[in-house]
Amino acid sequence: MKSILPFVLALGLALPAAAAPTLHLPDLAGQWRGAGTLTKAGAAAQRLGCKVEIRTAINLNILVIGRCATSEGADSFSLELTEAADGAVQAKNRFDPPRGLPEQMSGVIDGAVLTLGTADFGTVELRQQDQALDFAINAQNDGQPVLLQVRLERQNP
């Protein structure tokens, strides 16, 4: 009796692979809230809470407005994202003068991940995980590494 294994393997190779999920920024519109950690060089990790609003602006750009706080203080951010057809993304810090984040960052959407950054600053990442967003900043602050990691849950599906 002939084995059907070669046929099954050939069939499997002929089928298209399942497409990886792709992050679509307008689909993230809404209120997000979550908790995580902030780690600075030479210090213990601090608990951190964040609230983020994502919405579409009149010009169809995406606004990402948020506030994160630890027991030591809080900081806000406001970015305007412009996405090109090829997945390239430009981010403009909407604070004047810019604070916390660079005035301009560039990046790309690759699958379910948006990565933005600059050579001097580091990176900002949004990673879609099912119905959650993992928000991370891996950066330099006054020459010292800083890592912020937060799991955000949608508040108004």
Protein backbone atom coordinates (compact mmCIF):
# COMPACT_ATOMS: atom_id res chain seq x y z
CA MET A 1 0.00 0.00 0.00
CA LYS A 2 1.36 3.40 -0.99
CA SER A 3 1.74 6.10 1.62
CA ILE A 4 -0.36 9.23 1.18
CA LEU A 5 2.24 11.27 3.12
CA PRO A 6 3.93 12.67 -0.03
CA PHE A 7 0.53 13.79 -1.34
CA VAL A 8 -0.39 15.45 1.99
CA LEU A 9 2.98 17.22 2.14
CA ALA A 10 2.64 18.42 -1.46
CA LEU A 11 -0.87 19.68 -0.77
CA GLY A 12 0.32 21.51 2.33
CA LEU A 13 3.10 23.21 0.37
CA ALA A 14 0.66 24.29 -2.34
CA LEU A 15 -1.74 26.03 0.08
CA PRO A 16 -1.08 29.67 0.82
CA ALA A 17 0.20 30.41 4.30
CA ALA A 18 -2.17 32.19 6.65
CA ALA A 19 -1.54 35.91 6.52
CA ALA A 20 -0.08 37.50 9.62
CA PRO A 21 -2.42 40.03 11.23
CA THR A 22 -1.80 43.57 10.05
CA LEU A 23 -2.14 46.58 12.31
CA HIS A 24 -4.70 49.02 10.88
CA LEU A 25 -4.42 52.27 12.83
CA PRO A 26 -8.03 53.52 12.36
CA ASP A 27 -9.29 50.24 13.87
CA LEU A 28 -7.57 51.16 17.14
CA ALA A 29 -9.79 54.22 17.69
CA GLY A 30 -11.14 54.41 21.20
CA GLN A 31 -10.17 54.67 24.85
CA TRP A 32 -7.45 52.37 26.19
CA ARG A 33 -6.27 51.84 29.76
CA GLY A 34 -3.64 49.66 31.32
CA ALA A 35 -0.84 49.02 33.76
CA GLY A 36 2.78 48.06 33.47
CA THR A 37 6.24 49.07 34.59
CA LEU A 38 8.72 51.90 34.17
CA THR A 39 12.37 50.93 34.62
CA LYS A 40 15.17 53.48 34.78
CA ALA A 41 18.89 52.64 34.87
CA GLY A 42 20.04 51.70 38.36
CA ALA A 43 16.53 51.82 39.87
CA ALA A 44 13.87 49.28 40.70
CA ALA A 45 10.93 48.98 38.31
CA GLN A 46 7.99 51.19 39.23
CA ARG A 47 4.33 50.33 38.68
CA LEU A 48 2.81 52.51 36.01
CA GLY A 49 -0.74 53.25 34.86
CA CYS A 50 -1.65 54.72 31.47
CA LYS A 51 -4.74 56.06 29.71
CA VAL A 52 -4.58 56.47 25.94
CA GLU A 53 -7.09 57.80 23.43
CA ILE A 54 -6.67 56.98 19.74
CA ARG A 55 -8.83 58.82 17.23
CA THR A 56 -8.94 59.93 13.62
CA ALA A 57 -8.30 63.63 13.00
CA ILE A 58 -10.16 65.77 10.47
CA ASN A 59 -7.24 65.32 8.03
CA LEU A 60 -7.53 61.50 8.47
CA ASN A 61 -4.27 61.31 10.40
CA ILE A 62 -4.35 59.32 13.64
CA LEU A 63 -4.05 61.10 16.99
CA VAL A 64 -2.58 59.21 19.94
CA ILE A 65 -3.09 61.14 23.18
CA GLY A 66 -2.13 59.72 26.53
CA ARG A 67 -1.09 60.13 30.12
CA CYS A 68 1.02 57.74 32.21
CA ALA A 69 1.67 57.99 35.95
CA THR A 70 3.76 56.37 38.67
CA SER A 71 3.75 57.14 42.39
CA GLU A 72 6.52 59.68 41.65
CA GLY A 73 4.70 61.69 38.98
CA ALA A 74 2.92 61.75 35.66
CA ASP A 75 3.59 62.74 32.06
CA SER A 76 1.43 63.25 28.98
CA PHE A 77 2.05 62.73 25.30
CA SER A 78 0.29 63.64 22.08
CA LEU A 79 1.34 62.29 18.68
CA GLU A 80 -0.11 62.79 15.22
CA LEU A 81 0.56 59.78 12.98
CA THR A 82 0.58 59.90 9.19
CA GLU A 83 0.59 56.53 7.43
CA ALA A 84 1.76 56.02 3.84
CA ALA A 85 0.41 53.28 1.58
CA ASP A 86 3.64 51.28 1.99
CA GLY A 87 3.26 51.09 5.78
CA ALA A 88 5.75 53.88 6.54
CA VAL A 89 4.57 56.09 9.40
CA GLN A 90 5.61 59.60 10.40
CA ALA A 91 4.88 60.81 13.93
CA LYS A 92 4.77 64.45 15.00
CA ASN A 93 4.89 65.42 18.66
CA ARG A 94 1.94 67.78 19.07
CA PHE A 95 3.37 69.53 22.15
CA ASP A 96 5.05 72.85 21.45
CA PRO A 97 7.78 72.83 22.56
CA PRO A 98 8.10 69.02 22.40
CA ARG A 99 8.48 67.27 25.73
CA GLY A 100 9.16 63.66 26.60
CA LEU A 101 9.22 62.40 23.03
CA PRO A 102 11.16 63.72 20.00
CA GLU A 103 9.60 66.39 17.79
CA GLN A 104 9.50 63.94 14.85
CA MET A 105 9.82 60.15 14.64
CA SER A 106 9.58 57.80 11.72
CA GLY A 107 8.82 54.13 11.51
CA VAL A 108 6.88 51.36 9.91
CA ILE A 109 3.98 49.00 10.43
CA ASP A 110 5.18 45.42 10.13
CA GLY A 111 2.39 42.92 10.67
CA ALA A 112 0.71 43.72 13.98
CA VAL A 113 3.51 46.05 15.17
CA LEU A 114 4.04 49.79 14.76
CA THR A 115 7.60 50.83 15.58
CA LEU A 116 8.60 54.52 15.67
CA GLY A 117 11.83 56.13 16.72
CA THR A 118 14.97 58.13 16.14
CA ALA A 119 18.64 57.21 16.46
CA ASP A 120 19.13 59.58 19.42
CA PHE A 121 15.95 58.74 21.32
CA GLY A 122 15.18 55.04 20.89
CA THR A 123 11.88 53.39 19.98
CA VAL A 124 8.16 53.58 20.67
CA GLU A 125 6.23 50.41 19.86
CA LEU A 126 2.54 49.51 19.66
CA ARG A 127 1.91 45.79 19.26
CA GLN A 128 -1.63 44.49 18.78
CA GLN A 129 -2.27 41.31 20.80
CA ASP A 130 -5.81 40.09 20.16
CA GLN A 131 -7.98 42.75 21.85
CA ALA A 132 -5.08 44.39 23.71
CA LEU A 133 -2.21 46.71 22.79
CA ASP A 134 1.28 46.32 24.19
CA PHE A 135 2.79 49.81 24.44
CA ALA A 136 6.54 50.07 24.96
CA ILE A 137 9.14 52.82 24.98
CA ASN A 138 12.78 51.76 24.95
CA ALA A 139 14.71 55.00 25.04
CA GLN A 140 17.52 57.12 26.42
CA ASN A 141 16.79 59.88 28.93
CA ASP A 142 19.79 62.07 29.76
CA GLY A 143 22.03 59.27 28.45
CA GLN A 144 20.42 56.66 30.71
CA PRO A 145 18.24 53.78 29.44
CA VAL A 146 14.52 53.88 30.22
CA LEU A 147 12.06 51.08 29.53
CA LEU A 148 8.30 51.55 29.76
CA GLN A 149 6.04 48.54 29.18
CA VAL A 150 2.24 48.66 29.44
CA ARG A 151 -0.57 46.30 28.42
CA LEU A 152 -3.52 48.44 27.30
CA GLU A 153 -7.09 47.13 27.20
CA ARG A 154 -9.83 48.77 25.14
CA GLN A 155 -12.38 50.54 27.35
CA ASN A 156 -15.11 51.07 24.77
CA PRO A 157 -15.16 48.28 22.18
